[in-house]
Amino acid sequence: MNRRHWLLAAASTPWLITGCASPTPADYAAERPRLDLREYFDGTLHAYGIFTDRSGKVVRRFTVRMDCRWQGDEGVLDEHFSYSDGTTQRRVWRLKRHADGRYTGSADDVVGEAAGQAAGNAFQWRYTLALPVDGRVWHVQFDDWMFLVDERVMLNKAVMSKFGVRLGEVTLVFTRP
């Protein structure tokens, strides 16, 4: 009987591994409308978001005003956050577009370089953020996905983790005038 269980477990392992594969930007290559960050993040945009902890509880709400501009393949996204507790924050992203829909970027509170890939209506952005928490700074990883709905609206969902442990999610809706 033990041999049967072992054989069953061995036979189902490849299915379990492939069944847990994460999506990639290439999975969305045929989706429309096509997202071009230089076109969407141009001018002034607004965003509305929430941060949920790992249990799903909303722990922070916020709005963002973004002033965006591009010169060729280099862009600046100047984000002004207003949080529900009355605090504010500013983050200035400096982005560079590369071949094949790849992007890199930096900001003062980003550790190292952010890397992203656009395909179809989707953009995946990965980076490490230096996040102040209770008087200390934690380096947390973000797996950030954006999906263009139409020329005005884009949805954004980012999973925040540390040492591979999911800490929470940020959900945003971007709107263009």
Protein backbone atom coordinates (compact mmCIF):
# COMPACT_ATOMS: atom_id res chain seq x y z
CA MET A 1 0.00 0.00 0.00
CA ASN A 2 2.83 2.42 0.77
CA ARG A 3 4.28 1.82 -2.67
CA ARG A 4 0.96 2.80 -4.32
CA HIS A 5 0.81 6.06 -2.35
CA TRP A 6 4.39 6.85 -3.27
CA LEU A 7 3.73 6.17 -6.97
CA LEU A 8 0.56 8.27 -6.90
CA ALA A 9 2.43 11.14 -5.23
CA ALA A 10 5.30 10.92 -7.73
CA ALA A 11 2.91 10.83 -10.69
CA SER A 12 0.96 13.87 -9.53
CA THR A 13 4.00 16.03 -8.70
CA PRO A 14 4.44 17.49 -12.22
CA TRP A 15 0.74 18.42 -12.28
CA LEU A 16 1.06 20.14 -8.91
CA ILE A 17 4.13 22.09 -10.00
CA THR A 18 2.62 23.30 -13.29
CA GLY A 19 -0.76 23.92 -11.65
CA CYS A 20 0.87 26.50 -9.36
CA ALA A 21 2.72 28.42 -12.08
CA SER A 22 2.28 32.18 -11.90
CA PRO A 23 1.00 34.21 -14.83
CA THR A 24 3.50 36.12 -16.97
CA PRO A 25 3.00 39.26 -19.05
CA ALA A 26 3.17 37.08 -22.19
CA ASP A 27 -0.13 35.49 -21.08
CA TYR A 28 -1.81 38.84 -21.88
CA ALA A 29 -0.02 39.61 -25.18
CA ALA A 30 -3.22 39.28 -27.25
CA GLU A 31 -5.35 41.39 -24.88
CA ARG A 32 -6.54 44.82 -25.99
CA PRO A 33 -6.40 47.75 -25.62
CA ARG A 34 -2.60 47.62 -25.78
CA LEU A 35 -0.86 49.35 -22.87
CA ASP A 36 1.91 51.80 -23.70
CA LEU A 37 3.17 53.32 -20.45
CA ARG A 38 4.42 56.40 -22.31
CA GLU A 39 0.92 57.09 -23.61
CA TYR A 40 -1.05 56.22 -20.48
CA PHE A 41 1.24 57.90 -17.93
CA ASP A 42 1.35 61.26 -19.68
CA GLY A 43 0.00 64.41 -18.03
CA THR A 44 -1.94 64.45 -14.75
CA LEU A 45 -3.67 61.29 -13.53
CA HIS A 46 -5.49 60.36 -10.34
CA ALA A 47 -5.59 57.07 -8.47
CA TYR A 48 -7.68 55.71 -5.60
CA GLY A 49 -6.48 52.82 -3.50
CA ILE A 50 -6.55 50.62 -0.44
CA PHE A 51 -3.99 48.56 1.42
CA THR A 52 -5.24 45.27 2.86
CA ASP A 53 -3.33 43.15 5.34
CA ARG A 54 -2.82 39.41 4.81
CA SER A 55 -6.23 38.65 6.33
CA GLY A 56 -7.92 40.91 3.76
CA LYS A 57 -8.78 43.71 6.20
CA VAL A 58 -8.52 47.24 4.76
CA VAL A 59 -5.97 49.01 6.94
CA ARG A 60 -5.32 52.14 4.87
CA ARG A 61 -7.08 54.12 2.15
CA PHE A 62 -5.40 56.70 -0.08
CA THR A 63 -5.57 58.91 -3.14
CA VAL A 64 -2.74 59.76 -5.53
CA ARG A 65 -2.19 62.64 -7.91
CA MET A 66 0.41 61.81 -10.55
CA ASP A 67 2.20 64.33 -12.73
CA CYS A 68 3.81 62.38 -15.59
CA ARG A 69 6.06 63.36 -18.45
CA TRP A 70 8.26 61.60 -21.01
CA GLN A 71 11.16 62.58 -23.20
CA GLY A 72 11.63 59.79 -25.68
CA ASP A 73 12.12 56.55 -23.73
CA GLU A 74 12.70 58.23 -20.34
CA GLY A 75 9.84 59.19 -18.07
CA VAL A 76 9.16 60.78 -14.69
CA LEU A 77 6.09 59.82 -12.62
CA ASP A 78 5.75 62.27 -9.73
CA GLU A 79 3.31 60.69 -7.24
CA HIS A 80 1.64 62.66 -4.41
CA PHE A 81 -0.10 60.37 -1.89
CA SER A 82 -2.78 61.49 0.61
CA TYR A 83 -3.66 58.82 3.20
CA SER A 84 -6.88 58.41 5.19
CA ASP A 85 -5.00 59.15 8.44
CA GLY A 86 -4.03 62.61 7.15
CA THR A 87 -0.40 61.82 6.26
CA THR A 88 1.11 62.55 2.88
CA GLN A 89 3.98 61.09 0.89
CA ARG A 90 5.76 61.79 -2.39
CA ARG A 91 7.52 59.27 -4.65
CA VAL A 92 9.21 60.24 -7.90
CA TRP A 93 9.73 57.35 -10.31
CA ARG A 94 12.33 57.66 -13.05
CA LEU A 95 11.55 55.13 -15.79
CA LYS A 96 13.38 53.94 -18.87
CA ARG A 97 11.77 52.03 -21.72
CA HIS A 98 13.85 49.27 -23.32
CA ALA A 99 13.25 46.94 -26.26
CA ASP A 100 10.48 44.33 -26.25
CA GLY A 101 8.27 46.16 -23.73
CA ARG A 102 10.80 46.03 -20.90
CA TYR A 103 11.12 48.91 -18.42
CA THR A 104 13.49 49.71 -15.57
CA GLY A 105 13.01 52.33 -12.93
CA SER A 106 14.16 53.88 -9.71
CA ALA A 107 12.83 56.04 -6.90
CA ASP A 108 14.41 57.28 -3.66
CA ASP A 109 12.71 54.60 -1.53
CA VAL A 110 13.23 51.76 -4.04
CA VAL A 111 16.16 49.47 -3.22
CA GLY A 112 18.17 48.79 -6.37
CA GLU A 113 16.34 48.86 -9.68
CA ALA A 114 12.73 48.03 -10.49
CA ALA A 115 12.17 45.79 -13.51
CA GLY A 116 9.01 45.48 -15.56
CA GLN A 117 7.54 43.93 -18.68
CA ALA A 118 4.56 45.09 -20.72
CA ALA A 119 2.55 42.84 -23.06
CA GLY A 120 -0.92 43.40 -24.46
CA ASN A 121 -2.99 45.28 -21.88
CA ALA A 122 -0.80 44.21 -18.92
CA PHE A 123 2.33 45.38 -17.14
CA GLN A 124 4.17 43.49 -14.40
CA TRP A 125 6.51 45.52 -12.23
CA ARG A 126 8.80 44.02 -9.54
CA TYR A 127 10.82 45.97 -7.03
CA THR A 128 11.97 46.19 -3.41
CA LEU A 129 10.67 49.12 -1.37
CA ALA A 130 12.29 50.53 1.79
CA LEU A 131 9.16 50.80 3.93
CA PRO A 132 9.20 52.59 7.32
CA VAL A 133 7.35 50.52 9.96
CA ASP A 134 7.28 51.45 13.66
CA GLY A 135 10.56 53.36 13.58
CA ARG A 136 12.39 50.73 11.49
CA VAL A 137 12.82 50.34 7.74
CA TRP A 138 11.81 47.04 6.18
CA HIS A 139 12.82 46.00 2.68
CA VAL A 140 9.68 44.47 1.19
CA GLN A 141 9.15 43.03 -2.27
CA PHE A 142 6.34 44.14 -4.56
CA ASP A 143 4.88 42.09 -7.40
CA ASP A 144 2.85 44.78 -9.09
CA TRP A 145 0.37 44.12 -11.95
CA MET A 146 -1.41 46.78 -14.00
CA PHE A 147 -4.24 46.08 -16.47
CA LEU A 148 -5.51 48.68 -18.92
CA VAL A 149 -9.31 48.54 -19.08
CA ASP A 150 -9.81 51.36 -21.59
CA GLU A 151 -8.05 54.60 -22.56
CA ARG A 152 -9.07 56.21 -19.23
CA VAL A 153 -9.04 53.42 -16.60
CA MET A 154 -6.31 51.07 -15.42
CA LEU A 155 -6.53 48.59 -12.52
CA ASN A 156 -3.49 47.85 -10.36
CA LYS A 157 -2.95 45.04 -7.88
CA ALA A 158 0.32 44.65 -6.00
CA VAL A 159 1.25 41.86 -3.59
CA MET A 160 3.70 42.86 -0.87
CA SER A 161 5.91 40.18 0.72
CA LYS A 162 9.02 39.70 2.82
CA PHE A 163 11.11 36.49 2.74
CA GLY A 164 8.41 35.04 0.46
CA VAL A 165 5.66 35.60 3.07
CA ARG A 166 2.68 37.58 1.81
CA LEU A 167 2.16 40.68 3.97
CA GLY A 168 -0.75 42.29 2.15
CA GLU A 169 -2.01 43.81 -1.07
CA VAL A 170 -2.37 47.24 -2.60
CA THR A 171 -5.31 47.76 -4.95
CA LEU A 172 -5.54 50.90 -7.11
CA VAL A 173 -7.72 52.36 -9.82
CA PHE A 174 -5.96 54.88 -12.08
CA THR A 175 -8.06 57.39 -14.04
CA ARG A 176 -7.12 59.77 -16.82
CA PRO A 177 -9.17 62.86 -17.68
